[in-house]
Amino acid sequence: MLIELITIKDIAKLAGVSYSTVSKALNGDPRIKPATRQKVLAVAEKHQYRKNILAQQLSTGRSNIIGFVLDELSNPLFSNISGILHAELKQRGYQMILVVADDGVDVFSQLRVDGCILWDYALENRDAFWKKFSTLNMPCFVLGTDETPNSPYIKVDRKEGIFKAVEHLNSLGHTRIGFIGNSQNIKLEGYREALQRTNLKYEEDYVLPAHSSWEDGYFAIRNYTFGPKAPTAFIGLNNLVTRGALRALLEAGYNVPREISLIGYDDLPDMQYAEVALTTIGPALDELAVQAAELIVSLIRNEEVDYPVVIQPKLNHRNSTAIAGDF
């Protein structure tokens, strides 16, 4: 059974407005009165209207689609930021397509997306990656970068975030502060610098090797020998590493935070629901998404933009940090 698709002209007739009014209402044009927009949307929803992207491109030269490129999807951070960013773009009249790594070049070329946002990540050949994306000839920017590309970008001040974590622990009397994870240089550099800024000694043994997964954090603690001079507090590389480390500490019989305090990098909603509600440091994802949505829309509209946009991580104090004991 074939379903007859409703068109914009059909909606215009049913709503009693012009074709152009329907088009503007569906695309979120602020010049359309709210009551008119609601009437058009009600008709469109009742008759299950779906945009014809190809027709829209031919008539306007725009797809109203923005691409978001990630390198992997296993970290809950990415699902959280993707969902919030999608909602922010939708409020501005755009849809978002999520792709993994450089697969986006082919997808974006075929759909002719209006712009793309790239989450910064470790690349074996960064120059080749950017050369490939430059062929798209569309507004793009890097989100979350630690570097300073010669283009608009949004930077998260991760070093300052790690300093805030060290400062918080030191204010509670912790002088032996360890770091779980050695796969992100910017955070390790921030850890070293933070210790220096707080007049604490850097100990190589206080950096527990771990990459970025839950298992990495878990086994980093399981394989560590806690002696009399062991850290009384740890900072986790990311949300997954911190959750794994917490589980290992509890299984080993340590009281968190009375014996060992723990701070995780990345503030995600589920961090407060861990076995012990986790104190975190990290950028507010809502702020990150709003800034990203505003920047890409401004670039698409060829507006002047100031960059870089720098996001400062915030400390969220919960139950996993406390005054240093005699452990």
Foldseek 3Di string as FASTA:
>chain_A
DDDDADDLCNLCVVLVHDSVLLVCLLQVNPVRDPVSSVSSVVSCVVRVHDDDQVVCCVVPVASLEEEEEAADDPDVLVVVLVVLLQVLSVNNRHGYDYDHALVVLVVCQVSVHQEYEYEDDDDPDVVVSVVSVVVSVHHYEYEQDPDDDPHEYEHEQLLLLLLVVVVVQVVLVWQAEAEEEDADVSNVVSNVVSCVVVVHDDDPLRYQHFHDALVRLQVSQVVRDDDQRHGQEYEYPADSSQLSVVVNCVVVPHDFNARHFYEYEDDDPCCCVGVFNHKYKYFDSNVSSNVVSVVNVCVSVVHDDDDDHYTYIDIDDGRRHHRHDSD
